[in-house]
Every structure is written in structure tokens, then in C-alpha cells.
Amino acid sequence: MAKREAPETDDHGPGEGPRRRPTINDIARLAGVSKKTVSRVINASPYVQKETRERIEAVIAEHGYAPDPQARGLAFRRSFLIGLVYDNPNPQYVVNMQLGLLDGMKGSGFELVVHPCNRASPTFLADLRGFVERQKLFGVVLTPSVSEDERVAALLADIGCAYVRVASVSLDAPQHMIETRDRLGGEAAARHLAELGHRRIAHISGPASFRSAHERRAGFEAGLKAAGLALEPHYAQEGAYTFESGIACAGELLKLDPQPTAIFAGNDEMAAGVLQAARQAGVAVPAELSVVGFDDFEIARRLWPSLTTIRTPTREIGRLAVAQLMGRADEGEPQDRLPALVVRESTGPAR
């Protein structure tokens, strides 16, 4: 095999000047491909054959080529940034989603920027538009409840920014959606508690402004109905997806006569609050009260007793969302992203 010709340099001898940095044209010539193909490899495009990609990457490594970020941005008229937009009271959800996005972006040359927001703010949409336009974002990942706001999708479409929405139900064209199907998790929680013999079952939902709260409750009620049960109105409370609201809502439920023998909380933060309220009221878990959460974040394994919950693979969903945004093939199995029951110590047979 012929030895690769090195890029031309301005170095005519020791001390006569620095070696010229190789250009993308040099890399294309040495690899025997077009400049466009080299650009695709640099930008992690899936549309390059493995053998060609490896050959180009070897040439890049051999000659120390590094693309100029400013030149890349000018060439594409956008930055190599992906935005995460969220309005979520649960910090662990945000952290797990960020980790998933970073997993999906690894080796791509893209970076992550985050934009916390408040949908109730009168400047919400204007602030979001300013964020996208200032950063010249490649695309945006939207999480609940921002993802459930049709005004946001319309705004991004209007300014030509690619986006993927993470939501409990399908709200858009398939290329714009990662559906988490939260209703299935609510059904699983109801089925588990009914199988344990519970009949007085309460529910603490998330805030009404979140579609996920409605989907989880709807699934829970459907699961109860399938078992010949119903969610009685006085056993239903609306929380805020926060630990404090879990304490407050559970405190009200435990004042009832008769008390519920089981509580399904709309997320793990509120379920942790339920456990705290039960301790304050002298109610033993799970001997007198079974508790189920939703999310299966780290807190679920660290509580005492450890929390039975519905697992939602938030980190994996983040990886899938950014891969979809970047046009990469989805290598994950659909089943892997669905809610699933995880049984631990906070549930037991009805007394």
C-alpha cells in the first residue's frame, strides 16, 4: 500500500516557521473521499459506511486534525449545541434526563445547554425564543410539562428549530416524539395493590398542569376498575410532585376514618413524603399502610422501608430523545422504555 502523502506545510526547515494545520480538504484527499463525507464523519452522521468512517477517523487521528468550531457554526448557520428545556419541580428527573442526553451526545461533537423556565411566566414564550435564537441551537429536547404545551411546538416550528418532545402520550408526528406511556404504570400500581388484597386505596396525583398526572391517575383508575374496585373521591388528593406536598396530602388521608390501607403517589418524591407522614402519624409501613411511588429514582432505594415503585427509564429516554433529534437510528427496544413495577419493602398484604 502506498504511503499516505502528508499535508503540505509551510515548514521549510528547523526554526523557519510552524507547520500548517491540516484542513478538511487535506483529510479528504488523504482518505480518498469527498469533503462532504469527511464533514459527515466529523458531525457523527449515521449515513457513512463503517469502513469509510474508520478510514477517515484514522487519517484525522494521524494528522491531528481538529475542526474549527467557529467555522463549523458559520458553515451550518447554527451552533453545535442541543438545548434541554424543562419546567419540572423534581430535580432528580432533570439530572437523569441530562445524563441521558449526554450519553447520546458522546463522541458527536455536540454540547448540551439547559434552559429552566416557568410556563406561568408572561414572558415564557419570548424567553424561550430568545434562548433558541441566541444560541442558534441545532435542536431542542422538551420535557414535561413544557413538552405538553402546543404553543412551544408551534414556536419551534415557526423559527425552524428541530425538536423532540418527551411526553406520556403521543402529541406530535413520530419524529418529534418519545412517548413514555405513563398510563401503563398507573395500571400496574393498581393491579399490584389489588392483588395484595387492598380495598381502601388512595391516590395522590401530580399537579393538574402536567399531562403525566392525568395519565397516571387514569391508568390507576382503569387498573382498579379491572379488579372490581374504584378510587373513592375522598381518597383522592392533588399534590405538586414534591416531597412537601406528599407529606401534606398523606396527612389529610391519614385523618380519614377509615384510613386507606394503601396509597399510590404520582412520583417518588411524594411517596417519600407519604412515608414521612406515616411515621409522624404512628402508622407502620407496610404492616398498616402500603405505599407505591412512580419513577424509581435513586431515592426509592435509599428510603426506609425501600419503596415499591413504577420504574421509568428516564436516562435511557434522554439518550433515545437526543439520538432521534440527531437523526440516528434507534437501537433501543421499545419495551425497554415502558413503565414497569419494581416491588420492594413498602408494600404488603392488606391488614
Protein backbone atom coordinates (compact mmCIF):
# COMPACT_ATOMS: atom_id res chain seq x y z
CA MET A 1 0.00 0.00 0.00
CA ALA A 2 1.33 3.42 -0.90
CA LYS A 3 2.36 5.61 1.96
CA ARG A 4 -0.04 8.48 2.61
CA GLU A 5 1.24 11.82 1.48
CA ALA A 6 1.40 14.32 4.34
CA PRO A 7 -0.44 17.64 4.03
CA GLU A 8 1.58 20.46 2.57
CA THR A 9 3.21 22.68 5.16
CA ASP A 10 5.00 25.97 5.37
CA ASP A 11 7.82 24.38 7.36
CA HIS A 12 10.97 24.55 5.17
CA GLY A 13 13.40 23.68 7.91
CA PRO A 14 14.12 23.90 11.61
CA GLY A 15 13.15 27.21 13.10
CA GLU A 16 11.71 28.55 9.82
CA GLY A 17 8.06 28.57 10.84
CA PRO A 18 5.28 26.45 12.30
CA ARG A 19 3.72 23.51 10.47
CA ARG A 20 0.42 24.48 8.82
CA ARG A 21 -2.59 22.87 10.42
CA PRO A 22 -4.23 20.26 8.14
CA THR A 23 -7.54 21.34 6.62
CA ILE A 24 -10.66 19.36 5.88
CA ASN A 25 -9.55 19.33 2.22
CA ASP A 26 -6.27 17.67 3.27
CA ILE A 27 -8.14 14.98 5.20
CA ALA A 28 -10.50 14.32 2.29
CA ARG A 29 -7.55 13.99 -0.15
CA LEU A 30 -5.60 11.65 2.13
CA ALA A 31 -8.63 9.47 2.85
CA GLY A 32 -9.68 9.39 -0.79
CA VAL A 33 -13.16 10.73 -0.13
CA SER A 34 -15.09 13.92 -0.66
CA LYS A 35 -15.02 16.88 1.70
CA LYS A 36 -18.73 16.27 2.36
CA THR A 37 -18.02 12.73 3.56
CA VAL A 38 -15.36 13.98 5.96
CA SER A 39 -17.85 16.55 7.25
CA ARG A 40 -20.41 13.81 7.85
CA VAL A 41 -17.93 11.81 9.91
CA ILE A 42 -16.97 14.87 11.96
CA ASN A 43 -20.64 15.57 12.66
CA ALA A 44 -21.42 11.93 13.57
CA SER A 45 -23.81 11.41 10.67
CA PRO A 46 -25.20 7.85 10.52
CA TYR A 47 -25.03 7.93 6.72
CA VAL A 48 -21.38 6.85 6.34
CA GLN A 49 -20.31 3.24 5.93
CA LYS A 50 -18.34 1.79 8.84
CA GLU A 51 -15.22 1.06 6.76
CA THR A 52 -15.18 4.57 5.31
CA ARG A 53 -15.75 6.14 8.72
CA GLU A 54 -12.87 4.19 10.26
CA ARG A 55 -10.52 5.16 7.41
CA ILE A 56 -11.35 8.85 7.78
CA GLU A 57 -11.05 8.71 11.58
CA ALA A 58 -7.60 7.10 11.23
CA VAL A 59 -6.42 9.91 8.94
CA ILE A 60 -7.82 12.52 11.33
CA ALA A 61 -6.03 10.91 14.27
CA GLU A 62 -2.75 10.53 12.35
CA HIS A 63 -2.59 14.18 11.32
CA GLY A 64 -4.15 15.73 14.41
CA TYR A 65 -6.96 17.42 12.51
CA ALA A 66 -9.44 19.40 14.62
CA PRO A 67 -12.32 21.30 13.01
CA ASP A 68 -12.63 25.00 13.83
CA PRO A 69 -15.86 25.34 15.88
CA GLN A 70 -16.48 28.86 14.59
CA ALA A 71 -16.04 27.77 11.00
CA ARG A 72 -18.40 24.84 11.59
CA GLY A 73 -21.03 27.12 13.04
CA LEU A 74 -20.75 29.57 10.15
CA ALA A 75 -20.89 26.80 7.58
CA PHE A 76 -24.09 25.36 9.02
CA ARG A 77 -25.51 28.71 10.19
CA ARG A 78 -26.12 27.16 13.61
CA SER A 79 -24.17 26.17 16.67
CA PHE A 80 -23.33 22.63 17.68
CA LEU A 81 -25.49 22.93 20.77
CA ILE A 82 -28.54 20.98 21.86
CA GLY A 83 -30.92 22.57 24.34
CA LEU A 84 -32.81 20.93 27.19
CA VAL A 85 -35.92 22.90 28.12
CA TYR A 86 -37.72 21.99 31.34
CA ASP A 87 -40.24 23.22 33.89
CA ASN A 88 -40.16 20.39 36.39
CA PRO A 89 -40.22 20.53 40.21
CA ASN A 90 -38.33 17.23 40.53
CA PRO A 91 -34.56 17.85 40.41
CA GLN A 92 -33.69 14.15 40.08
CA TYR A 93 -35.75 13.89 36.89
CA VAL A 94 -33.81 16.79 35.40
CA VAL A 95 -30.45 15.29 36.41
CA ASN A 96 -31.30 11.86 34.97
CA MET A 97 -32.55 13.41 31.74
CA GLN A 98 -29.33 15.44 31.39
CA LEU A 99 -27.23 12.31 31.92
CA GLY A 100 -29.21 10.51 29.21
CA LEU A 101 -28.77 13.36 26.76
CA LEU A 102 -25.03 13.43 27.43
CA ASP A 103 -24.89 9.65 26.88
CA GLY A 104 -26.49 10.11 23.47
CA MET A 105 -24.22 13.02 22.51
CA LYS A 106 -20.97 11.31 23.48
CA GLY A 107 -18.43 11.48 20.66
CA SER A 108 -20.71 13.60 18.46
CA GLY A 109 -19.04 16.99 18.96
CA PHE A 110 -22.29 18.45 20.28
CA GLU A 111 -22.66 20.09 23.69
CA LEU A 112 -25.65 20.48 26.00
CA VAL A 113 -27.16 23.74 27.25
CA VAL A 114 -30.10 23.87 29.65
CA HIS A 115 -32.98 26.29 29.93
CA PRO A 116 -35.11 26.07 33.09
CA CYS A 117 -38.33 28.00 32.63
CA ASN A 118 -41.70 28.81 34.14
CA ARG A 119 -44.71 28.19 31.92
CA ALA A 120 -46.77 30.52 34.10
CA SER A 121 -44.49 33.48 33.34
CA PRO A 122 -45.94 36.09 30.95
CA THR A 123 -42.58 36.14 29.14
CA PHE A 124 -42.29 32.33 28.90
CA LEU A 125 -42.54 32.08 25.09
CA ALA A 126 -40.48 35.20 24.42
CA ASP A 127 -37.73 33.94 26.74
CA LEU A 128 -37.73 30.57 25.02
CA ARG A 129 -37.50 32.13 21.56
CA GLY A 130 -34.60 34.32 22.73
CA PHE A 131 -32.77 31.30 24.14
CA VAL A 132 -33.07 29.31 20.92
CA GLU A 133 -32.16 32.19 18.62
CA ARG A 134 -29.22 33.49 20.69
CA GLN A 135 -27.65 30.06 20.91
CA LYS A 136 -28.51 29.16 17.28
CA LEU A 137 -29.43 25.72 18.60
CA PHE A 138 -29.13 22.62 16.45
CA GLY A 139 -32.24 21.35 18.21
CA VAL A 140 -34.18 21.14 21.46
CA VAL A 141 -35.39 18.33 23.74
CA LEU A 142 -38.59 19.24 25.59
CA THR A 143 -39.61 17.52 28.83
CA PRO A 144 -42.94 17.60 30.71
CA SER A 145 -44.74 19.87 31.20
CA VAL A 146 -43.12 22.11 28.56
CA SER A 147 -43.36 19.24 26.07
CA GLU A 148 -47.13 19.17 26.53
CA ASP A 149 -47.56 22.82 25.53
CA GLU A 150 -48.66 23.13 21.91
CA ARG A 151 -47.55 26.77 21.84
CA VAL A 152 -43.95 25.63 22.30
CA ALA A 153 -44.09 23.17 19.40
CA ALA A 154 -45.65 25.85 17.19
CA LEU A 155 -42.95 28.36 18.17
CA LEU A 156 -40.09 25.98 17.38
CA ALA A 157 -41.65 25.01 14.06
CA ASP A 158 -42.06 28.71 13.21
CA ILE A 159 -38.37 29.51 13.77
CA GLY A 160 -37.17 26.31 12.12
CA CYS A 161 -35.64 24.65 15.18
CA ALA A 162 -35.66 20.85 15.33
CA TYR A 163 -37.23 19.40 18.47
CA VAL A 164 -38.20 16.17 20.22
CA ARG A 165 -40.95 16.08 22.86
CA VAL A 166 -40.84 13.64 25.77
CA ALA A 167 -44.41 13.09 26.96
CA SER A 168 -46.69 10.48 28.49
CA VAL A 169 -48.79 10.25 25.29
CA SER A 170 -48.19 10.95 21.61
CA LEU A 171 -48.80 14.63 20.87
CA ASP A 172 -46.98 15.12 17.55
CA ALA A 173 -45.55 13.42 14.48
CA PRO A 174 -43.42 10.35 15.31
CA GLN A 175 -40.12 12.12 14.50
CA HIS A 176 -40.92 14.67 17.21
CA MET A 177 -41.99 12.25 19.97
CA ILE A 178 -40.67 9.96 22.67
CA GLU A 179 -43.78 8.54 24.34
CA THR A 180 -43.40 7.26 27.93
CA ARG A 181 -46.92 5.77 28.25
CA ASP A 182 -47.37 6.63 31.91
CA ARG A 183 -50.90 5.19 31.93
CA LEU A 184 -49.43 1.68 31.88
CA GLY A 185 -47.54 2.45 35.09
CA GLY A 186 -50.71 3.58 36.85
CA GLU A 187 -52.42 0.35 35.83
CA ALA A 188 -49.52 -1.71 37.19
CA ALA A 189 -49.66 0.10 40.55
CA ALA A 190 -53.39 -0.58 40.91
CA ARG A 191 -53.03 -4.20 39.92
CA HIS A 192 -50.26 -4.77 42.47
CA LEU A 193 -52.22 -3.27 45.36
CA ALA A 194 -55.42 -5.11 44.41
CA GLU A 195 -53.54 -8.42 44.27
CA LEU A 196 -52.30 -7.75 47.81
CA GLY A 197 -55.93 -7.57 48.96
CA HIS A 198 -56.22 -3.81 49.44
CA ARG A 199 -59.67 -2.29 49.02
CA ARG A 200 -59.34 1.16 50.58
CA ILE A 201 -56.78 2.56 48.16
CA ALA A 202 -55.92 6.27 47.92
CA HIS A 203 -54.11 8.25 45.27
CA ILE A 204 -52.01 11.44 45.40
CA SER A 205 -51.76 12.79 41.87
CA GLY A 206 -49.31 15.28 40.43
CA PRO A 207 -50.37 18.84 39.55
CA ALA A 208 -53.19 19.24 37.03
CA SER A 209 -50.87 21.25 34.74
CA PHE A 210 -48.93 18.04 33.95
CA ARG A 211 -50.42 15.62 31.42
CA SER A 212 -48.46 12.87 33.15
CA ALA A 213 -50.51 13.40 36.32
CA HIS A 214 -53.74 12.79 34.41
CA GLU A 215 -52.34 9.76 32.58
CA ARG A 216 -51.03 8.12 35.76
CA ARG A 217 -54.34 8.64 37.53
CA ALA A 218 -56.35 7.43 34.53
CA GLY A 219 -54.25 4.27 34.36
CA PHE A 220 -54.61 3.77 38.11
CA GLU A 221 -58.39 4.08 37.96
CA ALA A 222 -58.53 1.72 34.98
CA GLY A 223 -56.48 -0.83 36.92
CA LEU A 224 -58.76 -0.55 39.93
CA LYS A 225 -61.83 -0.96 37.73
CA ALA A 226 -60.37 -4.13 36.20
CA ALA A 227 -60.09 -5.51 39.76
CA GLY A 228 -63.68 -4.54 40.61
CA LEU A 229 -62.61 -1.51 42.65
CA ALA A 230 -62.88 2.26 42.36
CA LEU A 231 -60.99 5.34 43.56
CA GLU A 232 -63.38 6.99 46.01
CA PRO A 233 -63.40 10.81 45.78
CA HIS A 234 -62.41 11.30 49.43
CA TYR A 235 -59.35 9.08 48.86
CA ALA A 236 -58.02 11.35 46.08
CA GLN A 237 -55.62 14.26 46.67
CA GLU A 238 -53.73 16.53 44.26
CA GLY A 239 -50.07 17.10 45.08
CA ALA A 240 -47.29 19.06 43.37
CA TYR A 241 -44.73 16.31 42.60
CA THR A 242 -42.78 17.50 45.68
CA PHE A 243 -41.79 15.86 48.97
CA GLU A 244 -43.64 18.54 50.95
CA SER A 245 -46.88 18.03 49.06
CA GLY A 246 -46.62 14.29 49.69
CA ILE A 247 -46.45 14.93 53.44
CA ALA A 248 -49.40 17.34 53.34
CA CYS A 249 -51.66 15.14 51.19
CA ALA A 250 -50.87 11.95 53.11
CA GLY A 251 -51.53 13.81 56.36
CA GLU A 252 -55.06 14.56 55.16
CA LEU A 253 -55.65 10.98 54.00
CA LEU A 254 -54.48 9.51 57.30
CA LYS A 255 -57.03 11.65 59.19
CA LEU A 256 -59.87 9.81 57.44
CA ASP A 257 -61.98 7.17 59.16
CA PRO A 258 -61.49 4.55 57.93
CA GLN A 259 -57.94 5.25 56.83
CA PRO A 260 -56.75 3.94 53.46
CA THR A 261 -54.68 0.78 53.68
CA ALA A 262 -52.66 1.76 50.60
CA ILE A 263 -51.58 4.97 48.85
CA PHE A 264 -50.31 5.30 45.29
CA ALA A 265 -48.31 8.52 44.93
CA GLY A 266 -47.76 10.05 41.49
CA ASN A 267 -43.97 10.16 41.89
CA ASP A 268 -41.24 9.01 44.27
CA GLU A 269 -40.78 12.44 45.86
CA MET A 270 -44.41 12.48 47.01
CA ALA A 271 -44.18 8.82 48.05
CA ALA A 272 -41.23 9.74 50.28
CA GLY A 273 -43.48 12.39 51.81
CA VAL A 274 -46.14 9.72 52.42
CA LEU A 275 -43.62 7.61 54.36
CA GLN A 276 -42.70 10.66 56.45
CA ALA A 277 -46.36 11.45 57.19
CA ALA A 278 -46.99 7.83 58.16
CA ARG A 279 -44.10 7.93 60.66
CA GLN A 280 -45.43 11.17 62.10
CA ALA A 281 -48.89 9.59 62.50
CA GLY A 282 -47.55 6.37 64.01
CA VAL A 283 -48.75 4.28 61.05
CA ALA A 284 -46.48 1.31 60.26
CA VAL A 285 -45.41 0.71 56.65
CA PRO A 286 -46.20 -1.80 55.22
CA ALA A 287 -47.99 -3.51 58.13
CA GLU A 288 -50.74 -0.86 58.29
CA LEU A 289 -50.16 1.11 55.09
CA SER A 290 -48.71 0.11 51.72
CA VAL A 291 -47.08 2.82 49.62
CA VAL A 292 -46.28 2.84 45.89
CA GLY A 293 -44.38 5.58 44.05
CA PHE A 294 -43.59 6.32 40.42
CA ASP A 295 -40.18 6.89 38.67
CA ASP A 296 -37.76 4.56 40.51
CA PHE A 297 -35.19 7.27 41.09
CA GLU A 298 -32.27 6.72 43.48
CA ILE A 299 -34.35 7.91 46.42
CA ALA A 300 -36.61 4.83 46.10
CA ARG A 301 -33.75 2.51 47.07
CA ARG A 302 -32.47 4.74 49.87
CA LEU A 303 -35.71 5.17 51.78
CA TRP A 304 -36.68 3.04 54.74
CA PRO A 305 -38.55 0.92 54.04
CA SER A 306 -37.33 0.81 50.44
CA LEU A 307 -40.01 1.97 48.05
CA THR A 308 -42.14 -0.15 45.75
CA THR A 309 -42.47 1.99 42.65
CA ILE A 310 -43.02 2.17 38.91
CA ARG A 311 -39.72 2.27 37.03
CA THR A 312 -39.45 4.76 34.18
CA PRO A 313 -36.03 4.70 32.47
CA THR A 314 -35.56 8.48 32.33
CA ARG A 315 -31.86 8.32 31.48
CA GLU A 316 -32.46 5.90 28.62
CA ILE A 317 -35.35 8.05 27.38
CA GLY A 318 -32.97 11.03 27.30
CA ARG A 319 -30.48 9.04 25.23
CA LEU A 320 -33.18 7.99 22.79
CA ALA A 321 -34.52 11.55 22.52
CA VAL A 322 -31.18 13.09 21.56
CA ALA A 323 -30.38 10.22 19.18
CA GLN A 324 -33.70 10.83 17.46
CA LEU A 325 -33.03 14.58 17.32
CA MET A 326 -29.65 13.95 15.67
CA GLY A 327 -31.13 11.56 13.10
CA ARG A 328 -29.51 8.43 14.43
CA ALA A 329 -31.19 5.04 14.28
CA ASP A 330 -32.96 3.98 17.46
CA GLU A 331 -31.06 0.99 18.77
CA GLY A 332 -33.21 0.54 21.89
CA GLU A 333 -36.05 -1.92 22.20
CA PRO A 334 -39.45 -0.22 22.65
CA GLN A 335 -40.15 -2.46 25.64
CA ASP A 336 -37.12 -1.03 27.46
CA ARG A 337 -38.69 2.42 27.76
CA LEU A 338 -42.08 1.33 29.16
CA PRO A 339 -43.07 1.69 32.84
CA ALA A 340 -42.60 -1.45 34.94
CA LEU A 341 -43.43 -2.37 38.55
CA VAL A 342 -40.50 -2.77 40.97
CA VAL A 343 -41.56 -4.44 44.23
CA ARG A 344 -39.63 -3.56 47.38
CA GLU A 345 -40.43 -3.30 51.10
CA SER A 346 -43.09 -0.57 51.24
CA THR A 347 -45.97 -2.80 50.13
CA GLY A 348 -47.52 -5.86 51.77
CA PRO A 349 -50.82 -7.68 52.22
CA ALA A 350 -53.79 -5.66 53.47
CA ARG A 351 -54.28 -5.96 57.18
